[in-house]
Amino acid sequence: MQDKYEIHYVKNGLKKVVVTNRNGMNWLEAWKAALLIDGTCAGATVGLRCIDDAMARAGESGISKVRWNKASHIVSWSERARLDESRLLVTQID
């Protein structure tokens, strides 16, 4: 069964957060995921076997400060939109 994980990273000074489904997560996979999410070709990440190589490749792309956590609290976008609809207070102004 796949779990949801949040990947947090900084790209050229801007913080980014992405949720991904994986069977498991570790530091190397988090760095590789940040590279893939940022648009790096999947073939370029296949050969990355150690975290130092992944960090160096990420640095070339302006990616730094990667971290990850299990996203057990994440609600899907459709669920969030449905919940927000029921909470919206609309006042008609004439």
N, C-alpha and C. Protein backbone atom coordinates (compact mmCIF):
# COMPACT_ATOMS: atom_id res chain seq x y z
N MET A 1 0.83 -1.18 0.00
CA MET A 1 0.00 0.00 0.00
C MET A 1 0.88 1.25 0.00
N GLN A 2 0.50 2.21 -0.80
CA GLN A 2 1.27 3.44 -0.86
C GLN A 2 0.80 4.44 0.19
N ASP A 3 1.75 5.20 0.70
CA ASP A 3 1.45 6.26 1.65
C ASP A 3 1.73 7.60 0.99
N LYS A 4 1.16 8.65 1.57
CA LYS A 4 1.41 10.00 1.08
C LYS A 4 2.55 10.61 1.87
N TYR A 5 3.45 11.26 1.15
CA TYR A 5 4.59 11.93 1.77
C TYR A 5 4.66 13.36 1.25
N GLU A 6 5.02 14.27 2.13
CA GLU A 6 5.28 15.65 1.73
C GLU A 6 6.77 15.80 1.49
N ILE A 7 7.11 16.39 0.37
CA ILE A 7 8.50 16.72 0.05
C ILE A 7 8.60 18.25 0.13
N HIS A 8 9.43 18.74 1.03
CA HIS A 8 9.66 20.18 1.18
C HIS A 8 11.05 20.48 0.65
N TYR A 9 11.16 21.53 -0.15
CA TYR A 9 12.48 21.92 -0.64
C TYR A 9 12.49 23.41 -1.00
N VAL A 10 13.67 23.94 -1.20
CA VAL A 10 13.84 25.33 -1.61
C VAL A 10 14.42 25.34 -3.02
N LYS A 11 13.77 26.07 -3.90
CA LYS A 11 14.23 26.20 -5.30
C LYS A 11 14.54 27.67 -5.55
N ASN A 12 15.81 27.99 -5.69
CA ASN A 12 16.24 29.37 -5.93
C ASN A 12 15.63 30.36 -4.94
N GLY A 13 15.60 29.97 -3.67
CA GLY A 13 15.12 30.85 -2.61
C GLY A 13 13.63 30.77 -2.32
N LEU A 14 12.87 30.02 -3.11
CA LEU A 14 11.43 29.89 -2.90
C LEU A 14 11.10 28.52 -2.32
N LYS A 15 10.31 28.51 -1.25
CA LYS A 15 9.93 27.24 -0.63
C LYS A 15 8.86 26.56 -1.47
N LYS A 16 8.98 25.25 -1.60
CA LYS A 16 8.00 24.46 -2.35
C LYS A 16 7.65 23.23 -1.52
N VAL A 17 6.39 22.82 -1.63
CA VAL A 17 5.91 21.61 -0.96
C VAL A 17 5.09 20.82 -1.96
N VAL A 18 5.36 19.53 -2.05
CA VAL A 18 4.62 18.66 -2.95
C VAL A 18 4.26 17.39 -2.20
N VAL A 19 3.08 16.86 -2.49
CA VAL A 19 2.65 15.60 -1.90
C VAL A 19 2.79 14.51 -2.96
N THR A 20 3.40 13.40 -2.58
CA THR A 20 3.61 12.29 -3.51
C THR A 20 3.20 10.98 -2.84
N ASN A 21 2.78 10.03 -3.65
CA ASN A 21 2.44 8.69 -3.16
C ASN A 21 3.62 7.76 -3.41
N ARG A 22 4.06 7.08 -2.38
CA ARG A 22 5.19 6.16 -2.48
C ARG A 22 4.99 4.97 -1.57
N ASN A 23 5.68 3.88 -1.86
CA ASN A 23 5.67 2.71 -0.98
C ASN A 23 6.52 2.93 0.25
N GLY A 24 7.44 3.84 0.18
CA GLY A 24 8.32 4.17 1.29
C GLY A 24 9.12 5.40 0.92
N MET A 25 9.77 5.99 1.91
CA MET A 25 10.55 7.20 1.65
C MET A 25 11.82 7.17 2.47
N ASN A 26 12.87 7.73 1.92
CA ASN A 26 14.13 7.94 2.64
C ASN A 26 14.75 9.22 2.10
N TRP A 27 15.89 9.60 2.65
CA TRP A 27 16.49 10.88 2.25
C TRP A 27 16.90 10.90 0.79
N LEU A 28 17.47 9.82 0.29
CA LEU A 28 17.87 9.78 -1.12
C LEU A 28 16.66 9.92 -2.02
N GLU A 29 15.59 9.18 -1.71
CA GLU A 29 14.37 9.25 -2.52
C GLU A 29 13.74 10.64 -2.47
N ALA A 30 13.84 11.32 -1.34
CA ALA A 30 13.29 12.67 -1.21
C ALA A 30 14.04 13.64 -2.13
N TRP A 31 15.37 13.55 -2.15
CA TRP A 31 16.16 14.41 -3.03
C TRP A 31 15.86 14.10 -4.49
N LYS A 32 15.74 12.82 -4.82
CA LYS A 32 15.41 12.44 -6.20
C LYS A 32 14.01 12.92 -6.58
N ALA A 33 13.07 12.83 -5.64
CA ALA A 33 11.71 13.30 -5.91
C ALA A 33 11.70 14.80 -6.16
N ALA A 34 12.45 15.56 -5.39
CA ALA A 34 12.53 17.01 -5.60
C ALA A 34 13.07 17.32 -7.00
N LEU A 35 14.07 16.57 -7.43
CA LEU A 35 14.62 16.75 -8.77
C LEU A 35 13.56 16.45 -9.84
N LEU A 36 12.85 15.33 -9.68
CA LEU A 36 11.84 14.95 -10.65
C LEU A 36 10.69 15.95 -10.69
N ILE A 37 10.25 16.38 -9.54
CA ILE A 37 9.16 17.35 -9.46
C ILE A 37 9.57 18.65 -10.14
N ASP A 38 10.82 19.00 -10.01
CA ASP A 38 11.33 20.24 -10.59
C ASP A 38 11.52 20.14 -12.10
N GLY A 39 11.42 18.95 -12.66
CA GLY A 39 11.49 18.81 -14.11
C GLY A 39 12.72 18.10 -14.64
N THR A 40 13.56 17.58 -13.75
CA THR A 40 14.73 16.82 -14.19
C THR A 40 14.26 15.52 -14.85
N CYS A 41 14.89 15.15 -15.93
CA CYS A 41 14.56 13.92 -16.64
C CYS A 41 14.72 12.71 -15.71
N ALA A 42 13.76 11.81 -15.75
CA ALA A 42 13.80 10.63 -14.88
C ALA A 42 15.07 9.82 -15.10
N GLY A 43 15.54 9.75 -16.33
CA GLY A 43 16.76 9.01 -16.63
C GLY A 43 17.99 9.57 -15.94
N ALA A 44 17.96 10.86 -15.65
CA ALA A 44 19.11 11.50 -14.99
C ALA A 44 19.18 11.16 -13.50
N THR A 45 18.07 10.68 -12.94
CA THR A 45 18.06 10.36 -11.51
C THR A 45 18.27 8.87 -11.24
N VAL A 46 18.13 8.04 -12.26
CA VAL A 46 18.25 6.59 -12.08
C VAL A 46 19.63 6.21 -11.55
N GLY A 47 20.67 6.85 -12.04
CA GLY A 47 22.03 6.51 -11.64
C GLY A 47 22.46 7.08 -10.30
N LEU A 48 21.62 7.88 -9.67
CA LEU A 48 21.98 8.47 -8.38
C LEU A 48 21.84 7.42 -7.29
N ARG A 49 22.96 6.95 -6.76
CA ARG A 49 22.95 5.87 -5.77
C ARG A 49 23.27 6.33 -4.36
N CYS A 50 23.82 7.54 -4.22
CA CYS A 50 24.11 8.04 -2.88
C CYS A 50 23.61 9.47 -2.74
N ILE A 51 23.35 9.84 -1.53
CA ILE A 51 22.75 11.15 -1.27
C ILE A 51 23.66 12.30 -1.68
N ASP A 52 24.97 12.11 -1.58
CA ASP A 52 25.90 13.17 -1.99
C ASP A 52 25.76 13.50 -3.47
N ASP A 53 25.61 12.46 -4.30
CA ASP A 53 25.42 12.68 -5.74
C ASP A 53 24.09 13.39 -6.01
N ALA A 54 23.04 12.98 -5.31
CA ALA A 54 21.73 13.60 -5.49
C ALA A 54 21.76 15.07 -5.06
N MET A 55 22.43 15.35 -3.95
CA MET A 55 22.52 16.73 -3.47
C MET A 55 23.32 17.60 -4.44
N ALA A 56 24.37 17.04 -5.02
CA ALA A 56 25.17 17.79 -5.99
C ALA A 56 24.35 18.10 -7.24
N ARG A 57 23.62 17.10 -7.73
CA ARG A 57 22.77 17.31 -8.91
C ARG A 57 21.68 18.33 -8.61
N ALA A 58 21.09 18.25 -7.42
CA ALA A 58 20.06 19.21 -7.03
C ALA A 58 20.63 20.62 -6.94
N GLY A 59 21.83 20.74 -6.40
CA GLY A 59 22.48 22.04 -6.30
C GLY A 59 22.66 22.70 -7.65
N GLU A 60 22.97 21.89 -8.66
CA GLU A 60 23.11 22.40 -10.03
C GLU A 60 21.79 22.97 -10.55
N SER A 61 20.68 22.46 -10.03
CA SER A 61 19.35 22.91 -10.45
C SER A 61 18.78 23.98 -9.53
N GLY A 62 19.55 24.40 -8.54
CA GLY A 62 19.07 25.43 -7.62
C GLY A 62 18.21 24.90 -6.50
N ILE A 63 18.24 23.58 -6.27
CA ILE A 63 17.43 22.96 -5.22
C ILE A 63 18.29 22.74 -3.99
N SER A 64 17.73 23.08 -2.83
CA SER A 64 18.45 22.87 -1.56
C SER A 64 17.44 22.60 -0.45
N LYS A 65 17.95 22.28 0.70
CA LYS A 65 17.16 22.11 1.93
C LYS A 65 15.96 21.18 1.75
N VAL A 66 16.20 20.00 1.23
CA VAL A 66 15.12 19.02 1.03
C VAL A 66 14.85 18.31 2.35
N ARG A 67 13.57 18.16 2.67
CA ARG A 67 13.16 17.35 3.81
C ARG A 67 11.85 16.67 3.44
N TRP A 68 11.48 15.68 4.23
CA TRP A 68 10.25 14.95 3.93
C TRP A 68 9.59 14.53 5.23
N ASN A 69 8.29 14.27 5.15
CA ASN A 69 7.56 13.70 6.27
C ASN A 69 6.33 12.96 5.73
N LYS A 70 5.85 12.03 6.52
CA LYS A 70 4.65 11.30 6.15
C LYS A 70 3.47 12.24 6.28
N ALA A 71 2.64 12.27 5.26
CA ALA A 71 1.55 13.24 5.19
C ALA A 71 0.23 12.60 5.57
N SER A 72 0.12 12.17 6.79
CA SER A 72 -1.10 11.50 7.23
C SER A 72 -2.26 12.46 7.39
N HIS A 73 -1.98 13.75 7.47
CA HIS A 73 -3.02 14.75 7.70
C HIS A 73 -3.53 15.38 6.41
N ILE A 74 -3.05 14.95 5.27
CA ILE A 74 -3.39 15.59 4.00
C ILE A 74 -4.80 15.21 3.56
N VAL A 75 -5.54 16.23 3.16
CA VAL A 75 -6.87 16.05 2.59
C VAL A 75 -6.75 16.33 1.10
N SER A 76 -7.43 15.54 0.29
CA SER A 76 -7.34 15.74 -1.16
C SER A 76 -7.95 17.09 -1.54
N TRP A 77 -7.55 17.60 -2.72
CA TRP A 77 -8.05 18.90 -3.16
C TRP A 77 -9.57 18.90 -3.28
N SER A 78 -10.15 17.84 -3.80
CA SER A 78 -11.60 17.80 -3.96
C SER A 78 -12.30 17.78 -2.61
N GLU A 79 -11.74 17.04 -1.64
CA GLU A 79 -12.32 17.03 -0.30
C GLU A 79 -12.21 18.41 0.34
N ARG A 80 -11.07 19.06 0.17
CA ARG A 80 -10.88 20.40 0.74
C ARG A 80 -11.85 21.40 0.13
N ALA A 81 -12.06 21.33 -1.19
CA ALA A 81 -12.98 22.25 -1.86
C ALA A 81 -14.41 22.04 -1.37
N ARG A 82 -14.78 20.78 -1.20
CA ARG A 82 -16.13 20.48 -0.72
C ARG A 82 -16.32 21.00 0.70
N LEU A 83 -15.32 20.83 1.56
CA LEU A 83 -15.40 21.33 2.93
C LEU A 83 -15.45 22.85 2.95
N ASP A 84 -14.67 23.50 2.09
CA ASP A 84 -14.66 24.96 2.05
C ASP A 84 -15.99 25.52 1.56
N GLU A 85 -16.65 24.83 0.63
CA GLU A 85 -17.95 25.29 0.14
C GLU A 85 -18.96 25.37 1.27
N SER A 86 -18.95 24.38 2.14
CA SER A 86 -19.93 24.37 3.22
C SER A 86 -19.61 25.39 4.30
N ARG A 87 -18.38 25.88 4.34
CA ARG A 87 -17.99 26.86 5.36
C ARG A 87 -18.05 28.29 4.87
N LEU A 88 -18.19 28.49 3.56
CA LEU A 88 -18.19 29.85 3.02
C LEU A 88 -19.42 30.62 3.48
N LEU A 89 -19.18 31.79 3.98
CA LEU A 89 -20.27 32.68 4.36
C LEU A 89 -20.36 33.76 3.29
N VAL A 90 -21.49 33.79 2.61
CA VAL A 90 -21.66 34.75 1.52
C VAL A 90 -22.72 35.75 1.94
N THR A 91 -22.39 37.02 1.80
CA THR A 91 -23.33 38.08 2.11
C THR A 91 -23.62 38.84 0.83
N GLN A 92 -24.89 38.99 0.53
CA GLN A 92 -25.27 39.72 -0.67
C GLN A 92 -25.34 41.20 -0.33
N ILE A 93 -24.68 42.01 -1.15
CA ILE A 93 -24.69 43.46 -0.94
C ILE A 93 -25.50 44.08 -2.06
N ASP A 94 -26.53 44.85 -1.68
CA ASP A 94 -27.39 45.50 -2.69
C ASP A 94 -27.01 46.95 -2.89
